Every structure is written in structure tokens, then in C-alpha cells.
């Protein structure tokens, strides 16, 4: 029969693991990792039309959509970029109407090389930003995969009526927390490097709630890992001592 301390620790660890999984999945699927707020966006209709065509055309590059984010109100996530601007240049929109449009990054965009001068193919490859961009969207999926594999091991441990395999579950949760933390760090570093290369006009930018969800998910994963490992190791030690006592 399992001690109540270990059972309670396992229940808390499972709840923390579930919450962190939900938070991480929500952060991956939403577009509010970084938000731009321009207090005085341009009001020129021709400029607005040119921005739409430049941003959402087939030849849109990093420079075009980043400058558009600087000039207008917009958000950017791991997979999509969204911009809110006036579409007064079309007859079916009333004056002053603001429209939000989002475009997803394709898989090829995620692996595309970044350049020292964003958008300028002749400026040379920027390896730091290239690998930071790739890691920031790969690591969250690795983290989710590790947690799912850990959950599978936990189910097998329950089926075998043994608590010892949950050590592997704890280790996998710890590795998942490192991946989530690495993704957050890569995103922050990538945004800062990009802003240094493209100095924005007077615009307010801040990390959004999607980024915060990923930041909260990492410590939850570490706490779940600590509880899994503690429960498994302590229960194993007590079982070994009890078995030795019975033999004696």
C-alpha cells in the first residue's frame, strides 16, 4: 500500500504537469508572444495599401513585415504575424475602420536563413539569429513530446503497480522544462537582436500573454519533475528498508 505522502505528491505532480501542458500548448498556438503598440500609426491610405500588398504578398520578407509591425499595431507569435491597420483604400470599408489580418509562417519560413541586414540577401547570413529562430519554435514541440512520453511511462508504472518508473517521468519533465526555458531564452535573444538591427520609430513594444504562458509553464514542469523524482526515490528507499527489516 502506498504511503499517503507519496500519493499526494503524485497527484500534485500530475496536476502541475497537466497545467503546464495546457499553458505551453496555448502559448504555441497563439500569436501574442510580442505586441507592438504604435500611439500614432500612419493615416496615409496609399501607404496603408502599399503596406498590405508588401506584407501579405508572395515576396514578403523579414524586413517588410518587421517594419510594418513597427509602424502599425501588431502581434507576432511562433507561427503567425498579425497587423491591425486601416483599409480605407477599399470602397467597402467605412472611413477609419481598422482591420486585423494574420499570415502564418510556412515551414520553409521557419528554416529560412536570416541575414545580417534583414531582408537583404547580399548582406551575408546571420547564424546567431538563424539558429535562435529555429530553436524558438522547435524546442516547445520537443518539450510537449517529452511530457507526453513521460505521461505514458507514468501510465505504465500505474499498470505495473510500481512507483519506481516515475523517476523516468520526473527526468523527462525536467528535460521538458529545460526545453521550454531554452525556447523562451531564444525568443528573447532573437527579438533583441532583431530590434538592434532595425531601430524602430517611437513605438511601444512588450512581451505578450502567450510569452508569459510559456514562462509560467517552465517552473511548473520543474516542480512536477521534483515531485515525481522525490516520490519515486523516497518510496523505493523505504520499501528497501522495510524489506531488509523483514528479512532480518
Protein backbone atom coordinates (compact mmCIF):
# COMPACT_ATOMS: atom_id res chain seq x y z
CA UNK A 1 0.00 0.00 0.00
CA UNK A 2 1.36 3.42 -0.98
CA UNK A 3 2.04 5.99 1.71
CA UNK A 4 -0.33 8.98 1.67
CA UNK A 5 2.64 11.35 1.30
CA UNK A 6 3.69 9.78 -1.97
CA UNK A 7 0.15 9.56 -3.29
CA UNK A 8 -0.39 13.26 -2.54
CA UNK A 9 2.91 14.19 -4.19
CA UNK A 10 2.00 12.22 -7.30
CA UNK A 11 -1.43 13.84 -7.56
CA UNK A 12 0.05 17.33 -7.22
CA UNK A 13 2.75 16.49 -9.78
CA UNK A 14 0.15 15.24 -12.25
CA UNK A 15 -1.93 18.41 -11.82
CA UNK A 16 1.15 20.61 -12.32
CA UNK A 17 2.10 18.59 -15.39
CA UNK A 18 -1.37 18.96 -16.88
CA UNK A 19 -1.48 22.72 -16.24
CA UNK A 20 1.98 23.25 -17.74
CA UNK A 21 0.99 21.23 -20.82
CA UNK A 22 -2.12 23.35 -21.33
CA UNK A 23 -0.17 26.58 -20.86
CA UNK A 24 2.56 25.53 -23.27
CA UNK A 25 0.12 24.32 -25.92
CA UNK A 26 -1.83 27.60 -25.63
CA UNK A 27 1.34 29.66 -25.97
CA UNK A 28 2.39 27.75 -29.10
CA UNK A 29 -1.00 28.17 -30.75
CA UNK A 30 -1.49 31.88 -30.07
CA UNK A 31 0.07 34.97 -31.63
CA UNK A 32 0.76 37.23 -28.64
CA UNK A 33 4.41 36.47 -27.91
CA UNK A 34 5.34 40.07 -28.66
CA UNK A 35 2.99 43.03 -29.12
CA UNK A 36 3.66 46.35 -30.84
CA UNK A 37 1.63 49.41 -29.93
CA UNK A 38 2.17 52.49 -32.06
CA UNK A 39 0.44 55.52 -30.45
CA UNK A 40 0.32 57.35 -33.79
CA UNK A 41 0.07 54.91 -36.72
CA UNK A 42 0.27 56.33 -40.25
CA UNK A 43 -3.01 57.58 -41.74
CA UNK A 44 -1.94 57.73 -45.38
CA UNK A 45 -4.24 55.46 -47.40
CA UNK A 46 -1.73 54.91 -50.18
CA UNK A 47 0.88 53.96 -47.59
CA UNK A 48 -1.60 51.60 -45.97
CA UNK A 49 -2.38 49.91 -49.28
CA UNK A 50 1.31 49.56 -50.11
CA UNK A 51 1.94 48.05 -46.69
CA UNK A 52 -0.82 45.48 -47.16
CA UNK A 53 0.49 44.45 -50.57
CA UNK A 54 4.09 44.36 -49.36
CA UNK A 55 3.33 42.47 -46.17
CA UNK A 56 0.95 39.82 -47.47
CA UNK A 57 2.36 39.36 -50.93
CA UNK A 58 4.28 36.34 -52.10
CA UNK A 59 7.64 38.13 -51.80
CA UNK A 60 7.20 39.35 -48.21
CA UNK A 61 10.46 39.12 -46.27
CA UNK A 62 11.58 39.69 -42.70
CA UNK A 63 12.35 43.36 -43.31
CA UNK A 64 8.93 44.17 -44.77
CA UNK A 65 6.79 42.59 -42.05
CA UNK A 66 9.06 43.82 -39.24
CA UNK A 67 8.89 47.42 -40.43
CA UNK A 68 5.12 47.05 -40.79
CA UNK A 69 4.91 45.81 -37.19
CA UNK A 70 6.93 48.83 -36.09
CA UNK A 71 4.68 51.30 -37.91
CA UNK A 72 1.32 49.72 -37.11
CA UNK A 73 -0.25 47.90 -34.19
CA UNK A 74 0.52 44.21 -34.45
CA UNK A 75 1.48 40.99 -32.74
CA UNK A 76 3.84 38.17 -33.63
CA UNK A 77 3.93 34.58 -32.42
CA UNK A 78 5.89 31.46 -33.21
CA UNK A 79 3.80 30.65 -36.25
CA UNK A 80 1.89 33.77 -37.27
CA UNK A 81 2.16 37.54 -37.52
CA UNK A 82 -0.89 39.81 -37.24
CA UNK A 83 -1.21 43.52 -38.05
CA UNK A 84 -4.09 45.91 -37.41
CA UNK A 85 -4.30 48.83 -39.82
CA UNK A 86 -6.75 50.91 -41.80
CA UNK A 87 -8.14 49.54 -45.02
CA UNK A 88 -9.76 52.77 -46.14
CA UNK A 89 -8.35 52.31 -49.61
CA UNK A 90 -11.10 49.81 -50.39
CA UNK A 91 -14.59 51.00 -51.22
CA UNK A 92 -16.44 48.56 -48.91
CA UNK A 93 -14.75 49.84 -45.72
CA UNK A 94 -16.10 52.85 -43.87
CA UNK A 95 -13.67 55.67 -43.04
CA UNK A 96 -11.48 54.92 -40.08
CA UNK A 97 -12.25 51.20 -39.98
CA UNK A 98 -9.39 49.10 -38.60
CA UNK A 99 -8.90 45.56 -39.85
CA UNK A 100 -6.69 42.82 -38.39
CA UNK A 101 -5.13 40.32 -40.73
CA UNK A 102 -2.82 37.42 -39.90
CA UNK A 103 -0.39 35.45 -42.03
CA UNK A 104 1.22 32.19 -40.97
CA UNK A 105 4.89 31.38 -41.29
CA UNK A 106 5.34 28.39 -43.56
CA UNK A 107 7.64 25.54 -42.59
CA UNK A 108 10.19 26.81 -45.11
CA UNK A 109 9.99 30.27 -43.50
CA UNK A 110 10.85 28.74 -40.14
CA UNK A 111 14.04 27.21 -41.55
CA UNK A 112 14.93 30.13 -43.78
CA UNK A 113 18.30 31.71 -43.13
CA UNK A 114 18.39 35.14 -41.50
CA UNK A 115 20.60 37.88 -42.85
CA UNK A 116 22.79 40.42 -41.10
CA UNK A 117 20.74 43.14 -42.75
CA UNK A 118 17.16 41.77 -42.51
CA UNK A 119 15.70 41.24 -45.95
CA UNK A 120 19.00 41.93 -47.75
CA UNK A 121 20.20 38.67 -49.32
CA UNK A 122 23.58 40.18 -50.13
CA UNK A 123 24.50 41.08 -46.53
CA UNK A 124 25.54 37.57 -45.50
CA UNK A 125 23.99 35.01 -43.18
CA UNK A 126 23.43 35.81 -39.52
CA UNK A 127 23.98 32.41 -37.90
CA UNK A 128 23.01 33.59 -34.40
CA UNK A 129 19.56 34.77 -35.42
CA UNK A 130 19.09 31.83 -37.80
CA UNK A 131 19.58 29.18 -35.11
CA UNK A 132 17.76 31.19 -32.44
CA UNK A 133 14.71 31.41 -34.72
CA UNK A 134 14.79 27.67 -35.42
CA UNK A 135 15.21 26.70 -31.79
CA UNK A 136 12.48 29.00 -30.51
CA UNK A 137 9.80 27.05 -32.38
CA UNK A 138 11.37 23.56 -32.27
CA UNK A 139 12.04 23.40 -28.52
CA UNK A 140 8.38 23.85 -27.42
CA UNK A 141 7.37 20.83 -29.51
CA UNK A 142 10.26 18.82 -28.08
CA UNK A 143 9.05 19.83 -24.62
CA UNK A 144 5.50 18.67 -25.33
CA UNK A 145 6.80 15.40 -26.75
CA UNK A 146 8.91 14.71 -23.67
CA UNK A 147 5.95 15.38 -21.37
CA UNK A 148 3.68 13.08 -23.36
CA UNK A 149 6.30 10.34 -23.27
CA UNK A 150 6.68 10.89 -19.52
CA UNK A 151 2.92 10.59 -19.08
CA UNK A 152 2.99 7.29 -21.00
CA UNK A 153 5.68 5.95 -18.67
CA UNK A 154 3.57 7.06 -15.70
CA UNK A 155 0.56 5.15 -17.02
CA UNK A 156 2.74 2.04 -17.46
CA UNK A 157 4.01 2.47 -13.89
CA UNK A 158 0.44 2.54 -12.61
CA UNK A 159 -0.39 -0.56 -14.62
CA UNK A 160 2.63 -2.34 -13.14
CA UNK A 161 1.76 -1.07 -9.64
CA UNK A 162 5.27 0.25 -9.23
CA UNK A 163 6.32 3.76 -8.35
CA UNK A 164 9.96 3.41 -9.37
CA UNK A 165 9.46 4.07 -13.15
CA UNK A 166 8.12 7.53 -12.30
CA UNK A 167 11.76 8.56 -11.85
CA UNK A 168 11.95 8.48 -15.66
CA UNK A 169 8.79 10.60 -15.77
CA UNK A 170 10.44 13.15 -13.50
CA UNK A 171 13.61 13.22 -15.58
CA UNK A 172 11.61 13.75 -18.77
CA UNK A 173 9.67 16.59 -17.15
CA UNK A 174 12.94 18.18 -16.09
CA UNK A 175 14.27 17.97 -19.66
CA UNK A 176 10.95 19.39 -20.91
CA UNK A 177 11.35 22.33 -18.54
CA UNK A 178 14.83 22.97 -19.90
CA UNK A 179 13.48 22.94 -23.46
CA UNK A 180 10.70 25.39 -22.56
CA UNK A 181 13.15 27.66 -20.78
CA UNK A 182 15.51 27.44 -23.75
CA UNK A 183 12.71 28.39 -26.13
CA UNK A 184 11.86 31.45 -24.04
CA UNK A 185 15.51 32.47 -23.90
CA UNK A 186 15.96 32.02 -27.66
CA UNK A 187 12.87 34.11 -28.37
CA UNK A 188 14.02 36.97 -26.13
CA UNK A 189 17.51 36.93 -27.64
CA UNK A 190 16.14 36.81 -31.19
CA UNK A 191 13.77 39.75 -30.62
CA UNK A 192 16.52 41.86 -29.05
CA UNK A 193 18.94 41.14 -31.91
CA UNK A 194 16.28 41.99 -34.47
CA UNK A 195 15.44 45.28 -32.77
CA UNK A 196 19.10 46.22 -32.73
CA UNK A 197 19.33 45.71 -36.48
CA UNK A 198 16.09 47.56 -37.25
CA UNK A 199 15.79 50.53 -34.87
CA UNK A 200 12.05 51.16 -34.56
CA UNK A 201 10.39 54.58 -34.60
CA UNK A 202 8.69 55.74 -31.37
CA UNK A 203 6.62 52.63 -30.72
CA UNK A 204 5.71 50.68 -27.62
CA UNK A 205 6.57 47.01 -27.63
CA UNK A 206 6.22 44.41 -24.92
CA UNK A 207 6.07 40.67 -24.47
CA UNK A 208 2.51 39.39 -24.61
CA UNK A 209 0.49 36.89 -22.64
CA UNK A 210 1.45 33.97 -24.90
CA UNK A 211 5.07 34.54 -23.92
CA UNK A 212 4.04 34.73 -20.26
CA UNK A 213 2.27 31.37 -20.50
CA UNK A 214 5.48 29.76 -21.75
CA UNK A 215 7.43 31.43 -18.92
CA UNK A 216 4.98 30.05 -16.33
CA UNK A 217 5.00 26.59 -17.91
CA UNK A 218 8.73 26.03 -17.33
CA UNK A 219 8.73 26.29 -13.48
CA UNK A 220 5.59 24.15 -13.33
CA UNK A 221 7.45 21.45 -15.24
CA UNK A 222 10.42 21.69 -12.87
CA UNK A 223 8.15 21.42 -9.82
CA UNK A 224 6.35 18.39 -11.29
CA UNK A 225 9.73 16.77 -12.05
CA UNK A 226 10.93 17.33 -8.47
CA UNK A 227 7.78 15.76 -7.01
CA UNK A 228 7.91 12.74 -9.32
CA UNK A 229 11.57 12.05 -8.55
CA UNK A 230 11.19 12.63 -4.79
CA UNK A 231 8.16 10.34 -4.51
CA UNK A 232 9.78 7.54 -6.51
CA UNK A 233 13.17 7.64 -4.76
CA UNK A 234 11.82 8.01 -1.22
CA UNK A 235 9.26 5.26 -1.71
CA UNK A 236 11.97 2.99 -3.10
CA UNK A 237 14.24 3.65 -0.13
CA UNK A 238 11.51 2.95 2.40
CA UNK A 239 10.49 -0.21 0.58
CA UNK A 240 14.13 -1.42 0.59
CA UNK A 241 14.47 -0.71 4.31
CA UNK A 242 11.20 -2.47 5.07
CA UNK A 243 12.23 -5.49 3.02
CA UNK A 244 15.61 -5.66 4.79
CA UNK A 245 13.85 -5.41 8.17
CA UNK A 246 11.52 -8.29 7.32
CA UNK A 247 14.42 -10.46 6.16
CA UNK A 248 16.30 -9.73 9.38
